[in-house]
């Protein structure tokens, strides 16, 4: 990552309390690097922890798309699943699965529970080591509502 981009990310962290200023630095880092995965991960996390779930989802989807295009992945889950299972220990595939699982979490935060469940089910089918948290999210999303006594 270029030094000027690192500096922008550091400035975003240093000005965390001033959301307008901090976001300005984050947006500049994104603009300078385009689809750099490291910057996209930092941006997703930044917006998630700033409770800006719409931008967190946008950035997570941008990262997913970037990897999907670089790897020539199919949009069809049934075609993609065996590839992900076979390659799940590769760094780029783990990043893809992390971003996909993260998009499920953000969708749940935004109230899109059906799509969040679908993503969690898909990730859980691949994640036999429970690395991506999809099982926990799925348990929360499918847990029966407790009755008030």
Protein backbone atom coordinates (compact mmCIF):
# COMPACT_ATOMS: atom_id res chain seq x y z
CA UNK A 1 0.00 0.00 0.00
CA UNK A 2 1.40 3.44 -0.89
CA UNK A 3 2.65 5.55 2.01
CA UNK A 4 0.21 8.39 1.28
CA UNK A 5 -2.70 5.96 1.57
CA UNK A 6 -1.35 4.57 4.84
CA UNK A 7 -1.15 8.13 6.10
CA UNK A 8 -4.80 8.75 5.15
CA UNK A 9 -5.87 5.63 7.04
CA UNK A 10 -3.87 6.73 10.07
CA UNK A 11 -5.47 10.18 9.88
CA UNK A 12 -8.92 8.56 9.69
CA UNK A 13 -8.13 6.66 12.89
CA UNK A 14 -6.61 9.68 14.63
CA UNK A 15 -9.67 11.83 13.88
CA UNK A 16 -12.15 9.05 14.77
CA UNK A 17 -14.14 11.30 17.13
CA UNK A 18 -14.75 13.85 14.36
CA UNK A 19 -16.78 11.67 12.00
CA UNK A 20 -16.90 14.22 9.17
CA UNK A 21 -13.14 14.74 9.17
CA UNK A 22 -12.40 11.07 9.71
CA UNK A 23 -14.69 9.92 6.90
CA UNK A 24 -13.08 12.46 4.56
CA UNK A 25 -9.73 10.71 5.03
CA UNK A 26 -11.26 7.28 4.56
CA UNK A 27 -13.00 8.35 1.36
CA UNK A 28 -9.72 9.80 0.05
CA UNK A 29 -7.94 6.50 0.73
CA UNK A 30 -10.63 4.61 -1.16
CA UNK A 31 -10.52 7.06 -4.06
CA UNK A 32 -6.71 6.81 -4.35
CA UNK A 33 -6.59 3.01 -4.38
CA UNK A 34 -9.78 1.93 -6.11
CA UNK A 35 -10.17 -1.78 -5.42
CA UNK A 36 -7.16 -2.37 -3.18
CA UNK A 37 -8.34 -5.22 -0.90
CA UNK A 38 -6.47 -3.95 2.18
CA UNK A 39 -8.05 -0.52 1.89
CA UNK A 40 -11.49 -2.01 1.22
CA UNK A 41 -11.22 -4.18 4.35
CA UNK A 42 -10.16 -1.15 6.39
CA UNK A 43 -13.03 0.88 4.91
CA UNK A 44 -15.61 -1.83 5.54
CA UNK A 45 -14.55 -2.10 9.17
CA UNK A 46 -14.39 1.66 9.56
CA UNK A 47 -17.94 2.17 8.30
CA UNK A 48 -19.24 -0.81 10.26
CA UNK A 49 -17.86 0.53 13.54
CA UNK A 50 -19.13 3.99 12.66
CA UNK A 51 -22.59 2.35 12.37
CA UNK A 52 -22.81 3.40 8.74
CA UNK A 53 -24.14 0.04 7.63
CA UNK A 54 -25.13 1.17 4.15
CA UNK A 55 -21.55 2.16 3.30
CA UNK A 56 -20.15 -0.90 5.10
CA UNK A 57 -22.34 -3.10 2.90
CA UNK A 58 -21.39 -1.18 -0.23
CA UNK A 59 -17.68 -1.61 0.50
CA UNK A 60 -18.05 -5.31 1.44
CA UNK A 61 -19.88 -5.91 -1.85
CA UNK A 62 -17.19 -3.97 -3.72
CA UNK A 63 -14.54 -6.26 -2.21
CA UNK A 64 -16.58 -9.36 -3.08
CA UNK A 65 -16.99 -8.14 -6.67
CA UNK A 66 -13.29 -7.30 -6.97
CA UNK A 67 -12.28 -10.82 -5.95
CA UNK A 68 -15.07 -12.45 -7.97
CA UNK A 69 -13.89 -10.67 -11.12
CA UNK A 70 -10.20 -11.35 -10.49
CA UNK A 71 -10.92 -15.05 -9.98
CA UNK A 72 -13.58 -15.30 -12.71
CA UNK A 73 -16.05 -16.72 -10.19
CA UNK A 74 -19.53 -17.68 -11.27
CA UNK A 75 -22.53 -15.84 -9.82
CA UNK A 76 -24.17 -19.25 -9.41
CA UNK A 77 -23.61 -20.49 -5.84
CA UNK A 78 -23.83 -24.18 -6.77
CA UNK A 79 -21.00 -23.72 -9.28
CA UNK A 80 -18.97 -21.54 -6.94
CA UNK A 81 -19.32 -23.59 -3.75
CA UNK A 82 -17.01 -26.50 -4.71
CA UNK A 83 -14.32 -24.04 -5.80
CA UNK A 84 -14.53 -22.23 -2.47
CA UNK A 85 -14.43 -25.50 -0.54
CA UNK A 86 -11.37 -26.68 -2.46
CA UNK A 87 -9.52 -23.37 -2.14
CA UNK A 88 -10.77 -22.18 1.27
CA UNK A 89 -7.28 -21.98 2.79
CA UNK A 90 -5.99 -19.54 0.16
CA UNK A 91 -5.65 -15.96 1.41
CA UNK A 92 -7.74 -14.43 -1.38
CA UNK A 93 -10.52 -16.99 -0.91
CA UNK A 94 -10.54 -16.44 2.86
CA UNK A 95 -10.83 -12.71 2.19
CA UNK A 96 -13.75 -13.38 -0.17
CA UNK A 97 -15.48 -15.58 2.43
CA UNK A 98 -14.84 -13.01 5.18
CA UNK A 99 -16.31 -10.23 3.06
CA UNK A 100 -19.29 -12.38 2.10
CA UNK A 101 -19.94 -13.34 5.74
CA UNK A 102 -19.53 -9.68 6.73
CA UNK A 103 -22.13 -8.67 4.15
CA UNK A 104 -24.51 -11.12 5.81
CA UNK A 105 -23.91 -9.51 9.19
CA UNK A 106 -24.49 -6.03 7.80
CA UNK A 107 -27.64 -7.15 6.00
CA UNK A 108 -28.93 -8.49 9.33
CA UNK A 109 -28.14 -5.13 10.96
CA UNK A 110 -30.10 -3.43 8.18
CA UNK A 111 -33.07 -5.74 8.77
CA UNK A 112 -32.72 -7.85 5.63
CA UNK A 113 -32.92 -11.08 7.60
CA UNK A 114 -33.78 -13.45 4.76
CA UNK A 115 -30.73 -12.52 2.70
CA UNK A 116 -28.56 -12.55 5.83
CA UNK A 117 -29.77 -16.10 6.61
CA UNK A 118 -29.09 -17.23 3.04
CA UNK A 119 -25.52 -15.92 3.17
CA UNK A 120 -24.95 -17.45 6.61
CA UNK A 121 -26.19 -20.84 5.42
CA UNK A 122 -23.89 -20.68 2.40
CA UNK A 123 -20.83 -19.73 4.42
CA UNK A 124 -21.60 -22.35 7.07
CA UNK A 125 -21.63 -25.03 4.34
CA UNK A 126 -17.99 -24.19 3.59
CA UNK A 127 -16.74 -23.13 7.03
CA UNK A 128 -16.13 -26.41 8.87
CA UNK A 129 -13.64 -24.66 11.18
CA UNK A 130 -16.10 -21.90 12.12
CA UNK A 131 -13.62 -19.21 11.04
CA UNK A 132 -16.11 -16.77 9.57
CA UNK A 133 -18.79 -16.55 12.26
CA UNK A 134 -21.62 -17.54 9.94
CA UNK A 135 -22.81 -20.30 12.26
CA UNK A 136 -23.17 -17.88 15.17
CA UNK A 137 -25.06 -15.37 13.03
CA UNK A 138 -27.30 -18.11 11.67
CA UNK A 139 -28.05 -19.34 15.20
CA UNK A 140 -29.02 -15.82 16.23
CA UNK A 141 -31.15 -15.27 13.13
CA UNK A 142 -32.99 -18.59 13.45
CA UNK A 143 -33.34 -18.70 17.23
CA UNK A 144 -37.00 -18.80 18.23
CA UNK A 145 -38.16 -15.64 19.91
CA UNK A 146 -38.34 -16.09 23.65
CA UNK A 147 -41.78 -15.66 25.02
CA UNK A 148 -42.39 -13.02 27.64
CA UNK A 149 -43.55 -14.42 30.93
